[in-house]
Amino acid sequence: MSEYQQFLKERDLIDFYIQKGYQMKNITENLSGAYILFEREDSSGEKEMETIHLLTPAARKYFSVKLIQQQTVYPGPGA
């Protein structure tokens, strides 16, 4: 799979979780990529968590833009 095809797959995965109501809660970056922990509360108040692994630099840039958008829409405590 080409790097661009891999990016499209990773971008769609990020968008999928955001559309399902998940928020990015933790990001760990290392030499093998970025791990993003998504979290949301379901209708019963239980927390659901999903982790994805991003390999491409373009997807890492894409999630950083989405994270900034998330922080402006849902400012954290003390904002």
PDB file of N, CA and C in Angstrom:
ATOM      1  N   MET A   1       0.851  -1.169   0.000  1.00  0.00           N
ATOM      2  CA  MET A   1       0.000   0.000   0.000  1.00  0.00           C
ATOM      3  C   MET A   1       0.899   1.235   0.000  1.00  0.00           C
ATOM      4  N   SER A   2       0.523   2.192  -0.835  1.00  0.00           N
ATOM      5  CA  SER A   2       1.321   3.408  -0.898  1.00  0.00           C
ATOM      6  C   SER A   2       1.137   4.228   0.377  1.00  0.00           C
ATOM      7  N   GLU A   3       2.067   5.132   0.610  1.00  0.00           N
ATOM      8  CA  GLU A   3       1.982   5.959   1.811  1.00  0.00           C
ATOM      9  C   GLU A   3       0.724   6.832   1.782  1.00  0.00           C
ATOM     10  N   TYR A   4       0.361   7.298   0.599  1.00  0.00           N
ATOM     11  CA  TYR A   4      -0.839   8.126   0.492  1.00  0.00           C
ATOM     12  C   TYR A   4      -2.095   7.307   0.828  1.00  0.00           C
ATOM     13  N   GLN A   5      -2.153   6.083   0.345  1.00  0.00           N
ATOM     14  CA  GLN A   5      -3.292   5.208   0.663  1.00  0.00           C
ATOM     15  C   GLN A   5      -3.348   4.923   2.163  1.00  0.00           C
ATOM     16  N   GLN A   6      -2.193   4.736   2.781  1.00  0.00           N
ATOM     17  CA  GLN A   6      -2.126   4.520   4.224  1.00  0.00           C
ATOM     18  C   GLN A   6      -2.631   5.755   4.970  1.00  0.00           C
ATOM     19  N   PHE A   7      -2.240   6.948   4.507  1.00  0.00           N
ATOM     20  CA  PHE A   7      -2.712   8.186   5.111  1.00  0.00           C
ATOM     21  C   PHE A   7      -4.233   8.289   5.021  1.00  0.00           C
ATOM     22  N   LEU A   8      -4.794   7.998   3.852  1.00  0.00           N
ATOM     23  CA  LEU A   8      -6.248   8.073   3.688  1.00  0.00           C
ATOM     24  C   LEU A   8      -6.966   7.142   4.661  1.00  0.00           C
ATOM     25  N   LYS A   9      -6.414   5.965   4.835  1.00  0.00           N
ATOM     26  CA  LYS A   9      -6.997   4.996   5.773  1.00  0.00           C
ATOM     27  C   LYS A   9      -6.946   5.536   7.208  1.00  0.00           C
ATOM     28  N   GLU A  10      -5.804   6.089   7.588  1.00  0.00           N
ATOM     29  CA  GLU A  10      -5.651   6.636   8.942  1.00  0.00           C
ATOM     30  C   GLU A  10      -6.527   7.870   9.148  1.00  0.00           C
ATOM     31  N   ARG A  11      -6.610   8.731   8.145  1.00  0.00           N
ATOM     32  CA  ARG A  11      -7.463   9.920   8.231  1.00  0.00           C
ATOM     33  C   ARG A  11      -8.924   9.533   8.416  1.00  0.00           C
ATOM     34  N   ASP A  12      -9.362   8.551   7.643  1.00  0.00           N
ATOM     35  CA  ASP A  12     -10.748   8.093   7.758  1.00  0.00           C
ATOM     36  C   ASP A  12     -11.025   7.497   9.131  1.00  0.00           C
ATOM     37  N   LEU A  13     -10.052   6.820   9.707  1.00  0.00           N
ATOM     38  CA  LEU A  13     -10.215   6.245  11.040  1.00  0.00           C
ATOM     39  C   LEU A  13     -10.350   7.340  12.100  1.00  0.00           C
ATOM     40  N   ILE A  14      -9.540   8.377  12.001  1.00  0.00           N
ATOM     41  CA  ILE A  14      -9.641   9.521  12.922  1.00  0.00           C
ATOM     42  C   ILE A  14     -11.019  10.157  12.806  1.00  0.00           C
ATOM     43  N   ASP A  15     -11.444  10.417  11.572  1.00  0.00           N
ATOM     44  CA  ASP A  15     -12.752  11.035  11.342  1.00  0.00           C
ATOM     45  C   ASP A  15     -13.891  10.150  11.843  1.00  0.00           C
ATOM     46  N   PHE A  16     -13.757   8.843  11.682  1.00  0.00           N
ATOM     47  CA  PHE A  16     -14.780   7.903  12.143  1.00  0.00           C
ATOM     48  C   PHE A  16     -15.000   8.043  13.651  1.00  0.00           C
ATOM     49  N   TYR A  17     -13.918   8.040  14.419  1.00  0.00           N
ATOM     50  CA  TYR A  17     -14.059   8.137  15.876  1.00  0.00           C
ATOM     51  C   TYR A  17     -14.586   9.498  16.306  1.00  0.00           C
ATOM     52  N   ILE A  18     -14.165  10.555  15.644  1.00  0.00           N
ATOM     53  CA  ILE A  18     -14.665  11.890  15.982  1.00  0.00           C
ATOM     54  C   ILE A  18     -16.166  11.977  15.687  1.00  0.00           C
ATOM     55  N   GLN A  19     -16.593  11.430  14.551  1.00  0.00           N
ATOM     56  CA  GLN A  19     -18.007  11.456  14.192  1.00  0.00           C
ATOM     57  C   GLN A  19     -18.852  10.621  15.154  1.00  0.00           C
ATOM     58  N   LYS A  20     -18.270   9.601  15.746  1.00  0.00           N
ATOM     59  CA  LYS A  20     -18.981   8.759  16.706  1.00  0.00           C
ATOM     60  C   LYS A  20     -19.024   9.384  18.102  1.00  0.00           C
ATOM     61  N   GLY A  21     -18.440  10.583  18.258  1.00  0.00           N
ATOM     62  CA  GLY A  21     -18.517  11.292  19.530  1.00  0.00           C
ATOM     63  C   GLY A  21     -17.325  11.082  20.451  1.00  0.00           C
ATOM     64  N   TYR A  22     -16.282  10.445  19.965  1.00  0.00           N
ATOM     65  CA  TYR A  22     -15.078  10.238  20.771  1.00  0.00           C
ATOM     66  C   TYR A  22     -14.264  11.523  20.809  1.00  0.00           C
ATOM     67  N   GLN A  23     -13.527  11.696  21.900  1.00  0.00           N
ATOM     68  CA  GLN A  23     -12.574  12.796  22.012  1.00  0.00           C
ATOM     69  C   GLN A  23     -11.187  12.219  22.245  1.00  0.00           C
ATOM     70  N   MET A  24     -10.184  12.918  21.749  1.00  0.00           N
ATOM     71  CA  MET A  24      -8.804  12.489  21.972  1.00  0.00           C
ATOM     72  C   MET A  24      -8.443  12.811  23.415  1.00  0.00           C
ATOM     73  N   LYS A  25      -8.007  11.793  24.154  1.00  0.00           N
ATOM     74  CA  LYS A  25      -7.684  11.979  25.571  1.00  0.00           C
ATOM     75  C   LYS A  25      -6.198  11.853  25.865  1.00  0.00           C
ATOM     76  N   ASN A  26      -5.486  11.051  25.092  1.00  0.00           N
ATOM     77  CA  ASN A  26      -4.055  10.863  25.348  1.00  0.00           C
ATOM     78  C   ASN A  26      -3.349  10.566  24.031  1.00  0.00           C
ATOM     79  N   ILE A  27      -2.205  11.180  23.848  1.00  0.00           N
ATOM     80  CA  ILE A  27      -1.410  10.956  22.645  1.00  0.00           C
ATOM     81  C   ILE A  27       0.007  10.613  23.071  1.00  0.00           C
ATOM     82  N   THR A  28       0.509   9.527  22.514  1.00  0.00           N
ATOM     83  CA  THR A  28       1.883   9.110  22.773  1.00  0.00           C
ATOM     84  C   THR A  28       2.584   9.004  21.425  1.00  0.00           C
ATOM     85  N   GLU A  29       3.636   9.789  21.255  1.00  0.00           N
ATOM     86  CA  GLU A  29       4.398   9.745  20.012  1.00  0.00           C
ATOM     87  C   GLU A  29       5.776   9.168  20.286  1.00  0.00           C
ATOM     88  N   ASN A  30       6.211   8.329  19.359  1.00  0.00           N
ATOM     89  CA  ASN A  30       7.555   7.773  19.438  1.00  0.00           C
ATOM     90  C   ASN A  30       8.053   7.521  18.022  1.00  0.00           C
ATOM     91  N   LEU A  31       9.153   6.837  17.893  1.00  0.00           N
ATOM     92  CA  LEU A  31       9.740   6.627  16.567  1.00  0.00           C
ATOM     93  C   LEU A  31       8.903   5.723  15.677  1.00  0.00           C
ATOM     94  N   SER A  32       7.992   4.960  16.255  1.00  0.00           N
ATOM     95  CA  SER A  32       7.160   4.075  15.433  1.00  0.00           C
ATOM     96  C   SER A  32       5.805   4.686  15.095  1.00  0.00           C
ATOM     97  N   GLY A  33       5.588   5.947  15.433  1.00  0.00           N
ATOM     98  CA  GLY A  33       4.334   6.592  15.080  1.00  0.00           C
ATOM     99  C   GLY A  33       3.690   7.260  16.271  1.00  0.00           C
ATOM    100  N   ALA A  34       2.379   7.416  16.181  1.00  0.00           N
ATOM    101  CA  ALA A  34       1.621   8.055  17.255  1.00  0.00           C
ATOM    102  C   ALA A  34       0.478   7.134  17.663  1.00  0.00           C
ATOM    103  N   TYR A  35       0.273   7.016  18.956  1.00  0.00           N
ATOM    104  CA  TYR A  35      -0.849   6.263  19.502  1.00  0.00           C
ATOM    105  C   TYR A  35      -1.823   7.270  20.088  1.00  0.00           C
ATOM    106  N   ILE A  36      -3.067   7.201  19.645  1.00  0.00           N
ATOM    107  CA  ILE A  36      -4.084   8.133  20.120  1.00  0.00           C
ATOM    108  C   ILE A  36      -5.158   7.351  20.858  1.00  0.00           C
ATOM    109  N   LEU A  37      -5.423   7.764  22.083  1.00  0.00           N
ATOM    110  CA  LEU A  37      -6.490   7.173  22.881  1.00  0.00           C
ATOM    111  C   LEU A  37      -7.726   8.038  22.725  1.00  0.00           C
ATOM    112  N   PHE A  38      -8.785   7.451  22.194  1.00  0.00           N
ATOM    113  CA  PHE A  38     -10.076   8.120  22.072  1.00  0.00           C
ATOM    114  C   PHE A  38     -10.972   7.638  23.193  1.00  0.00           C
ATOM    115  N   GLU A  39     -11.821   8.545  23.700  1.00  0.00           N
ATOM    116  CA  GLU A  39     -12.704   8.191  24.806  1.00  0.00           C
ATOM    117  C   GLU A  39     -14.045   8.883  24.616  1.00  0.00           C
ATOM    118  N   ARG A  40     -15.113   8.190  25.014  1.00  0.00           N
ATOM    119  CA  ARG A  40     -16.449   8.784  25.034  1.00  0.00           C
ATOM    120  C   ARG A  40     -17.280   8.068  26.081  1.00  0.00           C
ATOM    121  N   GLU A  41     -18.342   8.732  26.507  1.00  0.00           N
ATOM    122  CA  GLU A  41     -19.283   8.116  27.434  1.00  0.00           C
ATOM    123  C   GLU A  41     -20.473   7.634  26.632  1.00  0.00           C
ATOM    124  N   ASP A  42     -20.876   6.369  26.896  1.00  0.00           N
ATOM    125  CA  ASP A  42     -22.058   5.867  26.212  1.00  0.00           C
ATOM    126  C   ASP A  42     -23.315   6.314  26.948  1.00  0.00           C
ATOM    127  N   SER A  43     -24.459   5.872  26.497  1.00  0.00           N
ATOM    128  CA  SER A  43     -25.730   6.338  27.060  1.00  0.00           C
ATOM    129  C   SER A  43     -25.913   5.962  28.527  1.00  0.00           C
ATOM    130  N   SER A  44     -25.231   4.924  28.990  1.00  0.00           N
ATOM    131  CA  SER A  44     -25.347   4.513  30.393  1.00  0.00           C
ATOM    132  C   SER A  44     -24.283   5.159  31.285  1.00  0.00           C
ATOM    133  N   GLY A  45     -23.460   6.030  30.725  1.00  0.00           N
ATOM    134  CA  GLY A  45     -22.425   6.702  31.497  1.00  0.00           C
ATOM    135  C   GLY A  45     -21.106   5.950  31.554  1.00  0.00           C
ATOM    136  N   GLU A  46     -21.044   4.778  30.936  1.00  0.00           N
ATOM    137  CA  GLU A  46     -19.799   3.998  30.891  1.00  0.00           C
ATOM    138  C   GLU A  46     -18.838   4.634  29.890  1.00  0.00           C
ATOM    139  N   LYS A  47     -17.553   4.608  30.217  1.00  0.00           N
ATOM    140  CA  LYS A  47     -16.547   5.155  29.303  1.00  0.00           C
ATOM    141  C   LYS A  47     -16.102   4.076  28.327  1.00  0.00           C
ATOM    142  N   GLU A  48     -16.114   4.449  27.057  1.00  0.00           N
ATOM    143  CA  GLU A  48     -15.611   3.570  26.005  1.00  0.00           C
ATOM    144  C   GLU A  48     -14.291   4.151  25.525  1.00  0.00           C
ATOM    145  N   MET A  49     -13.282   3.300  25.354  1.00  0.00           N
ATOM    146  CA  MET A  49     -11.964   3.758  24.917  1.00  0.00           C
ATOM    147  C   MET A  49     -11.509   2.942  23.715  1.00  0.00           C
ATOM    148  N   GLU A  50     -10.889   3.636  22.792  1.00  0.00           N
ATOM    149  CA  GLU A  50     -10.303   3.008  21.613  1.00  0.00           C
ATOM    150  C   GLU A  50      -8.943   3.639  21.373  1.00  0.00           C
ATOM    151  N   THR A  51      -7.976   2.838  20.963  1.00  0.00           N
ATOM    152  CA  THR A  51      -6.641   3.336  20.650  1.00  0.00           C
ATOM    153  C   THR A  51      -6.328   3.021  19.196  1.00  0.00           C
ATOM    154  N   ILE A  52      -5.781   4.009  18.500  1.00  0.00           N
ATOM    155  CA  ILE A  52      -5.338   3.775  17.129  1.00  0.00           C
ATOM    156  C   ILE A  52      -3.855   4.115  17.025  1.00  0.00           C
ATOM    157  N   HIS A  53      -3.203   3.510  16.053  1.00  0.00           N
ATOM    158  CA  HIS A  53      -1.774   3.711  15.820  1.00  0.00           C
ATOM    159  C   HIS A  53      -1.614   4.353  14.451  1.00  0.00           C
ATOM    160  N   LEU A  54      -1.044   5.546  14.414  1.00  0.00           N
ATOM    161  CA  LEU A  54      -0.806   6.258  13.158  1.00  0.00           C
ATOM    162  C   LEU A  54       0.651   6.111  12.767  1.00  0.00           C
ATOM    163  N   LEU A  55       0.865   5.788  11.508  1.00  0.00           N
ATOM    164  CA  LEU A  55       2.229   5.570  11.029  1.00  0.00           C
ATOM    165  C   LEU A  55       2.733   6.697  10.133  1.00  0.00           C
ATOM    166  N   THR A  56       1.839   7.339   9.399  1.00  0.00           N
ATOM    167  CA  THR A  56       2.287   8.317   8.401  1.00  0.00           C
ATOM    168  C   THR A  56       2.432   9.717   9.004  1.00  0.00           C
ATOM    169  N   PRO A  57       3.421  10.467   8.548  1.00  0.00           N
ATOM    170  CA  PRO A  57       3.582  11.850   9.016  1.00  0.00           C
ATOM    171  C   PRO A  57       2.368  12.721   8.689  1.00  0.00           C
ATOM    172  N   ALA A  58       1.743  12.491   7.535  1.00  0.00           N
ATOM    173  CA  ALA A  58       0.577  13.293   7.148  1.00  0.00           C
ATOM    174  C   ALA A  58      -0.584  13.066   8.122  1.00  0.00           C
ATOM    175  N   ALA A  59      -0.782  11.839   8.563  1.00  0.00           N
ATOM    176  CA  ALA A  59      -1.857  11.549   9.523  1.00  0.00           C
ATOM    177  C   ALA A  59      -1.547  12.169  10.880  1.00  0.00           C
ATOM    178  N   ARG A  60      -0.274  12.215  11.228  1.00  0.00           N
ATOM    179  CA  ARG A  60       0.106  12.839  12.496  1.00  0.00           C
ATOM    180  C   ARG A  60      -0.164  14.338  12.456  1.00  0.00           C
ATOM    181  N   LYS A  61       0.066  14.965  11.319  1.00  0.00           N
ATOM    182  CA  LYS A  61      -0.266  16.388  11.168  1.00  0.00           C
ATOM    183  C   LYS A  61      -1.781  16.578  11.204  1.00  0.00           C
ATOM    184  N   TYR A  62      -2.499  15.672  10.554  1.00  0.00           N
ATOM    185  CA  TYR A  62      -3.958  15.764  10.489  1.00  0.00           C
ATOM    186  C   TYR A  62      -4.576  15.673  11.886  1.00  0.00           C
ATOM    187  N   PHE A  63      -4.114  14.709  12.697  1.00  0.00           N
ATOM    188  CA  PHE A  63      -4.701  14.589  14.034  1.00  0.00           C
ATOM    189  C   PHE A  63      -4.362  15.800  14.897  1.00  0.00           C
ATOM    190  N   SER A  64      -3.204  16.430  14.661  1.00  0.00           N
ATOM    191  CA  SER A  64      -2.864  17.607  15.471  1.00  0.00           C
ATOM    192  C   SER A  64      -3.814  18.765  15.169  1.00  0.00           C
ATOM    193  N   VAL A  65      -4.228  18.908  13.919  1.00  0.00           N
ATOM    194  CA  VAL A  65      -5.211  19.933  13.558  1.00  0.00           C
ATOM    195  C   VAL A  65      -6.547  19.608  14.224  1.00  0.00           C
ATOM    196  N   LYS A  66      -6.939  18.344  14.180  1.00  0.00           N
ATOM    197  CA  LYS A  66      -8.195  17.929  14.804  1.00  0.00           C
ATOM    198  C   LYS A  66      -8.150  18.120  16.321  1.00  0.00           C
ATOM    199  N   LEU A  67      -7.001  17.918  16.926  1.00  0.00           N
ATOM    200  CA  LEU A  67      -6.852  18.117  18.364  1.00  0.00           C
ATOM    201  C   LEU A  67      -7.024  19.596  18.717  1.00  0.00           C
ATOM    202  N   ILE A  68      -6.437  20.478  17.936  1.00  0.00           N
ATOM    203  CA  ILE A  68      -6.598  21.918  18.171  1.00  0.00           C
ATOM    204  C   ILE A  68      -8.064  22.314  18.016  1.00  0.00           C
ATOM    205  N   GLN A  69      -8.734  21.775  17.008  1.00  0.00           N
ATOM    206  CA  GLN A  69     -10.162  22.054  16.836  1.00  0.00           C
ATOM    207  C   GLN A  69     -10.963  21.556  18.033  1.00  0.00           C
ATOM    208  N   GLN A  70     -10.624  20.379  18.526  1.00  0.00           N
ATOM    209  CA  GLN A  70     -11.312  19.806  19.682  1.00  0.00           C
ATOM    210  C   GLN A  70     -11.130  20.694  20.907  1.00  0.00           C
ATOM    211  N   GLN A  71      -9.927  21.229  21.092  1.00  0.00           N
ATOM    212  CA  GLN A  71      -9.656  22.067  22.266  1.00  0.00           C
ATOM    213  C   GLN A  71     -10.372  23.402  22.190  1.00  0.00           C
ATOM    214  N   THR A  72     -10.628  23.904  20.996  1.00  0.00           N
ATOM    215  CA  THR A  72     -11.352  25.169  20.894  1.00  0.00           C
ATOM    216  C   THR A  72     -12.855  24.965  21.065  1.00  0.00           C
ATOM    217  N   VAL A  73     -13.362  23.776  20.736  1.00  0.00           N
ATOM    218  CA  VAL A  73     -14.777  23.463  20.900  1.00  0.00           C
ATOM    219  C   VAL A  73     -15.069  23.018  22.323  1.00  0.00           C
ATOM    220  N   TYR A  74     -14.189  22.178  22.887  1.00  0.00           N
ATOM    221  CA  TYR A  74     -14.354  21.645  24.237  1.00  0.00           C
ATOM    222  C   TYR A  74     -13.173  22.041  25.104  1.00  0.00           C
ATOM    223  N   PRO A  75     -13.099  23.295  25.539  1.00  0.00           N
ATOM    224  CA  PRO A  75     -11.943  23.690  26.347  1.00  0.00           C
ATOM    225  C   PRO A  75     -11.899  22.899  27.659  1.00  0.00           C
ATOM    226  N   GLY A  76     -10.712  22.605  28.087  1.00  0.00           N
ATOM    227  CA  GLY A  76     -10.517  21.822  29.311  1.00  0.00           C
ATOM    228  C   GLY A  76     -10.799  22.615  30.564  1.00  0.00           C
ATOM    229  N   PRO A  77     -10.591  21.984  31.709  1.00  0.00           N
ATOM    230  CA  PRO A  77     -10.831  22.671  32.979  1.00  0.00           C
ATOM    231  C   PRO A  77      -9.932  23.897  33.134  1.00  0.00           C
ATOM    232  N   GLY A  78     -10.464  24.933  33.707  1.00  0.00           N
ATOM    233  CA  GLY A  78      -9.698  26.151  33.949  1.00  0.00           C
ATOM    234  C   GLY A  78      -9.652  27.082  32.755  1.00  0.00           C
ATOM    235  N   ALA A  79     -10.352  26.713  31.684  1.00  0.00           N
ATOM    236  CA  ALA A  79     -10.329  27.572  30.486  1.00  0.00           C
ATOM    237  C   ALA A  79     -11.327  28.695  30.589  1.00  0.00           C
TER     238      ALA A  79
END
